[in-house]
N, C-alpha and C. Protein backbone atom coordinates (compact mmCIF):
# COMPACT_ATOMS: atom_id res chain seq x y z
N MET A 1 -35.10 8.72 -16.76
CA MET A 1 -34.24 8.82 -17.14
C MET A 1 -32.48 9.14 -16.11
N ASN A 2 -32.86 10.73 -15.63
CA ASN A 2 -32.44 10.81 -14.84
C ASN A 2 -31.98 10.15 -13.70
N ARG A 3 -32.29 9.29 -13.21
CA ARG A 3 -31.99 7.79 -12.11
C ARG A 3 -30.87 6.90 -13.03
N ILE A 4 -31.12 6.79 -14.00
CA ILE A 4 -30.12 5.85 -15.02
C ILE A 4 -29.08 6.32 -14.92
N ILE A 5 -28.44 7.51 -15.51
CA ILE A 5 -27.49 8.94 -15.31
C ILE A 5 -27.16 9.03 -13.98
N LEU A 6 -27.82 8.57 -13.07
CA LEU A 6 -26.78 9.36 -11.70
C LEU A 6 -26.62 8.25 -10.83
N GLN A 7 -26.94 6.91 -11.49
CA GLN A 7 -26.85 5.89 -10.39
C GLN A 7 -25.04 5.36 -11.67
N LEU A 8 -25.60 5.62 -13.07
CA LEU A 8 -23.94 5.25 -13.62
C LEU A 8 -22.80 6.14 -12.81
N PHE A 9 -23.52 7.89 -13.02
CA PHE A 9 -22.71 9.14 -12.43
C PHE A 9 -21.51 8.15 -10.84
N ALA A 10 -22.41 7.71 -10.15
CA ALA A 10 -22.26 7.18 -8.67
C ALA A 10 -20.91 6.11 -8.82
N VAL A 11 -21.64 4.94 -9.98
CA VAL A 11 -20.98 3.80 -9.86
C VAL A 11 -19.01 3.97 -10.60
N GLY A 12 -19.29 5.42 -11.66
CA GLY A 12 -18.29 5.55 -12.00
C GLY A 12 -17.57 6.33 -11.13
N PHE A 13 -18.28 7.56 -10.63
CA PHE A 13 -17.15 7.83 -9.30
C PHE A 13 -16.21 6.66 -7.94
N CYS A 14 -17.20 5.73 -7.81
CA CYS A 14 -16.99 5.04 -6.71
C CYS A 14 -15.50 4.27 -7.04
N PHE A 15 -15.55 3.33 -8.63
CA PHE A 15 -14.38 3.91 -9.70
C PHE A 15 -13.00 4.12 -9.93
N ALA A 16 -13.98 4.97 -9.80
CA ALA A 16 -12.23 6.29 -10.11
C ALA A 16 -11.43 6.73 -8.99
N ILE A 17 -12.22 6.88 -7.32
CA ILE A 17 -11.60 7.01 -6.18
C ILE A 17 -10.91 5.59 -5.91
N GLY A 18 -11.67 4.60 -6.38
CA GLY A 18 -10.33 3.37 -6.30
C GLY A 18 -9.54 2.91 -7.29
N GLN A 19 -9.32 3.64 -8.07
CA GLN A 19 -7.61 3.94 -8.50
C GLN A 19 -6.59 4.29 -7.75
N ALA A 20 -7.06 5.19 -6.99
CA ALA A 20 -5.49 5.98 -6.34
C ALA A 20 -5.07 5.39 -5.34
N LEU A 21 -4.79 3.24 -4.59
CA LEU A 21 -4.09 3.01 -3.87
C LEU A 21 -3.59 4.06 -3.16
N GLN A 22 -3.87 3.81 -1.63
CA GLN A 22 -4.25 4.29 -0.15
C GLN A 22 -3.02 3.15 0.24
N CYS A 23 -2.01 3.51 1.32
CA CYS A 23 -1.28 3.20 1.71
C CYS A 23 -0.68 3.20 2.77
N TYR A 24 -0.79 2.32 4.47
CA TYR A 24 0.27 2.65 4.91
C TYR A 24 1.94 3.15 4.92
N LYS A 25 2.55 4.08 5.51
CA LYS A 25 3.49 4.56 4.96
C LYS A 25 4.16 5.20 6.32
N CYS A 26 5.53 3.80 6.65
CA CYS A 26 6.47 4.44 7.95
C CYS A 26 8.09 3.78 7.33
N LYS A 27 9.01 5.62 6.86
CA LYS A 27 10.64 5.77 6.76
C LYS A 27 10.77 4.94 7.05
N ILE A 28 11.02 3.85 8.38
CA ILE A 28 11.57 3.57 9.09
C ILE A 28 11.12 3.50 10.35
N GLY A 29 11.31 1.88 10.69
CA GLY A 29 10.81 1.55 12.31
C GLY A 29 11.44 0.13 12.67
N LEU A 30 11.96 0.25 14.28
CA LEU A 30 12.58 -0.69 14.97
C LEU A 30 12.27 -1.43 15.44
N TRP A 31 12.37 -2.84 15.55
CA TRP A 31 10.97 -4.20 16.51
C TRP A 31 10.54 -3.82 15.68
N ASN A 32 9.12 -4.28 17.17
CA ASN A 32 7.46 -3.77 16.30
C ASN A 32 7.27 -2.45 16.51
N LEU A 33 7.78 -1.28 16.69
CA LEU A 33 7.72 -0.01 16.40
C LEU A 33 7.85 0.52 15.02
N CYS A 34 6.63 0.69 14.20
CA CYS A 34 6.75 1.77 13.15
C CYS A 34 5.41 2.69 13.00
N ILE A 35 5.93 3.90 13.15
CA ILE A 35 4.64 5.28 13.02
C ILE A 35 4.56 5.07 11.90
N THR A 36 3.23 5.15 11.46
CA THR A 36 2.51 5.28 10.56
C THR A 36 1.68 6.54 9.97
N SER A 37 1.30 6.60 8.86
CA SER A 37 0.84 7.23 8.46
C SER A 37 0.22 7.07 7.09
N GLU A 38 -1.07 7.70 6.29
CA GLU A 38 -1.72 7.37 5.43
C GLU A 38 -0.98 8.25 4.12
N THR A 39 -0.80 7.78 2.49
CA THR A 39 -0.04 8.01 1.26
C THR A 39 -1.24 7.37 0.27
N THR A 40 -0.83 8.01 -1.16
CA THR A 40 -1.45 7.86 -1.84
C THR A 40 -0.63 7.51 -2.95
N CYS A 41 -0.44 6.48 -3.58
CA CYS A 41 0.44 5.74 -4.51
C CYS A 41 0.23 6.72 -5.93
N GLU A 42 1.84 6.33 -6.36
CA GLU A 42 1.35 7.26 -7.76
C GLU A 42 1.14 6.20 -9.12
N LYS A 43 0.95 5.77 -9.95
CA LYS A 43 0.35 5.24 -10.91
C LYS A 43 1.33 3.99 -11.24
N GLY A 44 1.41 3.12 -11.07
CA GLY A 44 2.41 1.36 -11.68
C GLY A 44 3.19 1.39 -10.00
N GLU A 45 2.53 2.05 -9.41
CA GLU A 45 2.60 1.61 -7.57
C GLU A 45 1.85 1.13 -7.06
N GLN A 46 2.06 0.15 -5.72
CA GLN A 46 1.68 -0.80 -5.14
C GLN A 46 2.49 -0.33 -3.80
N CYS A 47 1.29 -1.12 -2.71
CA CYS A 47 1.88 -1.37 -1.03
C CYS A 47 2.93 -1.80 -1.01
N PHE A 48 3.13 -1.25 -0.36
CA PHE A 48 4.42 -2.70 0.24
C PHE A 48 4.44 -2.84 2.20
N SER A 49 5.52 -3.97 2.61
CA SER A 49 5.75 -3.29 3.91
C SER A 49 6.92 -4.93 3.66
N GLY A 50 7.63 -3.92 4.06
CA GLY A 50 9.41 -4.49 4.36
C GLY A 50 9.57 -4.61 5.23
N VAL A 51 10.84 -5.98 5.65
CA VAL A 51 11.46 -6.45 7.05
C VAL A 51 12.70 -6.64 6.53
N GLY A 52 13.20 -6.34 7.16
CA GLY A 52 15.01 -6.49 7.65
C GLY A 52 15.23 -6.82 8.25
N LYS A 53 17.05 -6.56 8.75
CA LYS A 53 18.03 -6.66 9.28
C LYS A 53 18.98 -5.66 8.54
N ALA A 54 19.71 -4.68 10.09
CA ALA A 54 19.89 -4.35 9.61
C ALA A 54 21.29 -4.72 11.20
N VAL A 55 22.44 -4.62 10.18
CA VAL A 55 23.82 -4.66 10.61
C VAL A 55 24.02 -5.77 11.82
N SER A 56 23.13 -7.06 10.82
CA SER A 56 22.63 -8.22 11.66
C SER A 56 22.05 -8.52 12.55
N PHE A 57 21.53 -7.56 13.52
CA PHE A 57 21.02 -8.26 14.35
C PHE A 57 19.80 -7.06 14.69
N MET A 58 19.74 -6.51 13.75
CA MET A 58 18.60 -5.30 15.18
C MET A 58 17.28 -5.34 13.31
N ASP A 59 16.26 -5.54 13.65
CA ASP A 59 14.78 -5.85 12.78
C ASP A 59 14.66 -4.23 12.85
N ILE A 60 14.44 -4.31 11.84
CA ILE A 60 13.92 -2.83 11.17
C ILE A 60 12.48 -3.12 9.98
N LYS A 61 11.91 -2.20 9.96
CA LYS A 61 10.68 -2.04 9.12
C LYS A 61 10.32 -1.03 8.24
N MET A 62 9.90 -1.34 7.14
CA MET A 62 8.96 -0.18 6.19
C MET A 62 8.22 -0.21 6.02
N LYS A 63 7.06 1.30 5.76
CA LYS A 63 6.27 0.85 4.69
C LYS A 63 6.29 1.79 3.84
N GLY A 64 5.05 1.36 2.91
CA GLY A 64 4.60 2.78 1.20
C GLY A 64 4.54 1.90 0.44
N CYS A 65 4.54 2.97 -0.41
CA CYS A 65 4.08 3.03 -1.54
C CYS A 65 5.23 2.35 -2.65
N LEU A 66 5.53 1.57 -3.81
CA LEU A 66 6.79 0.94 -4.30
C LEU A 66 5.96 0.85 -5.93
N ALA A 67 7.57 1.00 -6.40
CA ALA A 67 7.01 0.34 -8.13
C ALA A 67 6.89 -0.99 -8.26
N GLU A 68 6.22 -1.04 -9.16
CA GLU A 68 6.09 -3.15 -9.46
C GLU A 68 6.40 -3.89 -9.78
N ALA A 69 7.68 -3.23 -10.70
CA ALA A 69 9.12 -3.91 -10.59
C ALA A 69 10.22 -3.87 -9.32
N GLU A 70 9.62 -3.70 -8.92
CA GLU A 70 10.33 -3.42 -7.69
C GLU A 70 10.29 -4.55 -6.26
N CYS A 71 8.66 -5.00 -6.78
CA CYS A 71 7.88 -5.70 -5.46
C CYS A 71 8.84 -7.33 -5.42
N ASN A 72 7.94 -8.13 -4.13
CA ASN A 72 8.91 -9.16 -3.44
C ASN A 72 10.18 -9.39 -4.37
N LYS A 73 10.98 -8.30 -3.28
CA LYS A 73 12.26 -8.54 -3.96
C LYS A 73 13.19 -7.68 -2.26
N THR A 74 15.06 -8.99 -2.29
CA THR A 74 15.50 -8.87 -1.53
C THR A 74 16.79 -8.17 -1.67
N LYS A 75 17.41 -7.02 -1.35
CA LYS A 75 18.14 -6.64 -1.50
C LYS A 75 18.67 -5.54 -0.48
N GLU A 76 20.46 -5.62 -0.77
CA GLU A 76 21.01 -5.14 0.45
C GLU A 76 21.63 -3.35 0.49
N VAL A 77 21.18 -3.21 1.01
CA VAL A 77 22.14 -1.80 1.22
C VAL A 77 23.41 -1.53 2.03
N THR A 78 24.44 -1.49 0.92
CA THR A 78 25.86 -1.36 1.39
C THR A 78 26.10 0.25 1.73
N PHE A 79 27.58 0.08 2.48
CA PHE A 79 28.10 1.27 2.69
C PHE A 79 29.86 1.49 2.49
N PRO A 80 29.83 2.52 1.38
CA PRO A 80 30.41 2.03 0.53
C PRO A 80 32.14 2.83 1.50
N THR A 81 33.30 2.21 2.06
CA THR A 81 34.28 1.93 2.51
C THR A 81 35.34 2.48 1.85
N SER A 82 36.07 2.64 2.28
CA SER A 82 37.54 2.38 1.45
C SER A 82 38.54 1.24 1.01
N SER A 83 38.08 0.53 2.44
CA SER A 83 38.31 -0.92 1.68
C SER A 83 37.85 -2.11 0.92
N SER A 84 36.30 -1.68 1.73
CA SER A 84 35.24 -2.72 0.68
C SER A 84 34.34 -2.21 1.68
N ASN A 85 32.85 -2.59 0.69
CA ASN A 85 31.69 -2.09 1.06
C ASN A 85 30.83 -3.09 2.46
N SER A 86 30.51 -2.42 3.19
CA SER A 86 29.79 -3.57 4.29
C SER A 86 28.50 -3.41 3.89
N THR A 87 27.57 -4.33 4.53
CA THR A 87 26.15 -4.62 4.00
C THR A 87 25.46 -3.51 5.72
N VAL A 88 24.52 -2.32 5.34
CA VAL A 88 24.47 -1.86 6.28
C VAL A 88 22.84 -2.41 6.56
N TYR A 89 22.12 -2.66 5.70
CA TYR A 89 20.94 -3.73 5.76
C TYR A 89 20.52 -4.37 4.94
N THR A 90 19.59 -5.26 5.49
CA THR A 90 19.29 -6.59 4.16
C THR A 90 17.50 -5.98 4.28
N MET A 91 16.94 -5.82 2.87
CA MET A 91 15.05 -5.52 3.33
C MET A 91 14.30 -6.13 2.51
N THR A 92 13.36 -6.99 2.64
CA THR A 92 12.29 -7.66 1.84
C THR A 92 11.53 -6.96 1.89
N LYS A 93 10.88 -6.51 0.82
CA LYS A 93 9.61 -5.96 0.63
C LYS A 93 8.29 -6.57 -0.53
N THR A 94 7.47 -6.69 0.49
CA THR A 94 6.44 -7.84 0.53
C THR A 94 4.93 -7.01 -0.45
N CYS A 95 5.01 -6.70 -2.04
CA CYS A 95 3.37 -5.95 -2.34
C CYS A 95 2.13 -6.13 -2.25
N CYS A 96 1.05 -5.82 -2.35
CA CYS A 96 -0.55 -5.97 -1.91
C CYS A 96 -1.31 -4.61 -2.66
N THR A 97 -2.21 -5.13 -3.60
CA THR A 97 -2.71 -4.26 -4.24
C THR A 97 -3.97 -3.50 -3.56
N VAL A 98 -4.31 -3.72 -2.48
CA VAL A 98 -5.41 -3.58 -1.80
C VAL A 98 -5.08 -2.24 -0.84
N ASP A 99 -6.55 -1.22 -1.25
CA ASP A 99 -6.16 -0.53 0.35
C ASP A 99 -5.67 -0.60 1.02
N LEU A 100 -4.78 0.09 2.02
CA LEU A 100 -4.12 -0.17 3.58
C LEU A 100 -3.59 -1.75 3.27
N CYS A 101 -3.37 -2.48 2.52
CA CYS A 101 -3.43 -3.66 2.80
C CYS A 101 -2.46 -4.16 3.32
N ASN A 102 -0.67 -2.64 3.85
CA ASN A 102 -0.03 -2.81 4.39
C ASN A 102 0.16 -2.86 5.67
N ALA A 103 -0.95 -2.97 6.64
CA ALA A 103 -0.76 -2.58 7.51
C ALA A 103 -0.02 -3.89 8.77
N ALA A 104 -0.11 -4.83 8.24
CA ALA A 104 1.13 -6.01 8.68
C ALA A 104 1.60 -6.76 7.70
N PRO A 105 3.40 -6.87 8.29
CA PRO A 105 4.32 -7.32 7.25
C PRO A 105 3.88 -8.37 6.90
N GLY A 106 4.36 -7.94 5.22
CA GLY A 106 4.11 -9.52 4.43
C GLY A 106 3.02 -10.25 4.77
N LEU A 107 1.36 -9.02 5.42
CA LEU A 107 0.53 -9.82 5.36
C LEU A 107 -0.81 -8.80 3.91
N PRO A 108 -0.96 -9.69 3.37
CA PRO A 108 -1.82 -8.63 1.93
C PRO A 108 -2.96 -8.69 3.07
N GLY A 109 -3.53 -7.41 2.58
CA GLY A 109 -5.16 -7.32 3.34
C GLY A 109 -5.94 -8.22 2.28
N ALA A 110 -6.91 -7.64 3.02
CA ALA A 110 -8.79 -8.01 2.81
C ALA A 110 -8.65 -8.17 1.08
N SER A 111 -9.47 -8.56 0.99
CA SER A 111 -9.98 -8.36 -0.99
C SER A 111 -10.97 -7.06 -1.51
N GLY A 112 -11.32 -6.64 -2.15
CA GLY A 112 -12.11 -5.09 -2.34
C GLY A 112 -13.34 -5.19 -1.90
N VAL A 113 -13.24 -5.67 -1.22
CA VAL A 113 -14.39 -5.72 0.00
C VAL A 113 -15.77 -4.72 -0.30
N SER A 114 -14.37 -3.28 0.10
CA SER A 114 -14.82 -1.53 0.44
C SER A 114 -15.33 -1.24 -0.84
N LEU A 115 -14.91 -1.44 -1.65
CA LEU A 115 -14.80 -1.02 -2.86
C LEU A 115 -16.34 -1.28 -3.88
N ALA A 116 -16.35 -2.80 -3.65
CA ALA A 116 -18.13 -3.73 -3.56
C ALA A 116 -19.37 -2.97 -2.53
N ALA A 117 -18.68 -2.70 -1.77
CA ALA A 117 -19.22 -2.32 -0.09
C ALA A 117 -19.58 -0.25 -0.61
N ALA A 118 -18.29 0.10 -0.95
CA ALA A 118 -19.26 1.75 -1.33
C ALA A 118 -19.90 1.52 -2.78
N THR A 119 -19.71 0.88 -3.45
CA THR A 119 -20.72 1.12 -4.67
C THR A 119 -21.92 0.74 -4.24
N ILE A 120 -22.24 -0.04 -3.88
CA ILE A 120 -23.87 -0.56 -3.74
C ILE A 120 -23.91 0.35 -2.60
N THR A 121 -23.52 0.95 -1.45
CA THR A 121 -23.90 2.08 -1.47
C THR A 121 -24.33 3.69 -2.09
N ALA A 122 -23.34 3.81 -3.05
CA ALA A 122 -23.06 4.81 -3.95
C ALA A 122 -25.35 4.43 -4.47
N LEU A 123 -25.19 2.85 -5.18
CA LEU A 123 -26.43 2.98 -5.63
C LEU A 123 -27.89 3.29 -4.61
N LEU A 124 -27.76 2.60 -3.81
CA LEU A 124 -29.06 2.86 -2.44
C LEU A 124 -29.08 4.29 -2.58
N VAL A 125 -27.97 5.66 -2.24
CA VAL A 125 -28.47 6.24 -2.37
C VAL A 125 -28.51 7.44 -3.13
N ALA A 126 -28.79 6.74 -3.98
CA ALA A 126 -29.15 7.49 -6.05
C ALA A 126 -30.26 6.97 -5.53
N ASN A 127 -30.50 6.10 -5.38
CA ASN A 127 -32.30 5.96 -6.04
C ASN A 127 -32.74 6.79 -5.03
N PHE A 128 -32.27 6.83 -3.71
CA PHE A 128 -33.29 7.16 -2.83
C PHE A 128 -33.24 9.17 -3.22
N LEU A 129 -32.40 9.39 -3.64
CA LEU A 129 -32.37 11.07 -4.05
C LEU A 129 -33.19 10.87 -5.07
N VAL A 130 -33.45 10.15 -6.04
CA VAL A 130 -33.87 9.97 -7.14
C VAL A 130 -35.79 10.12 -7.31
């Protein structure tokens, strides 16, 4: 009986960990340079990779967490001047829903294989402990 409870606990623990989405974060990158760190998204957010153009010629990149409603959209950021608005940059943010899936701009990451592997490992460890 203890063995079954331990196995259920191990599986539940893996799924609880899987709920917090891990993403790469880069506030702004130029051309192919985007210095990243890892971050944990809040509930209702997904990982995103943003690719855009600043002042119509410079490639820029962003990565991080983004509200689901803002995913897969292109936005223009403007800077108001006294006579008119001028576009500072245009950014397309593409989202994905697997841990660290925003490593490359616009490319979704691997499937949920890592969570499945963690679950199987936890079950094997639980079998050896009991």
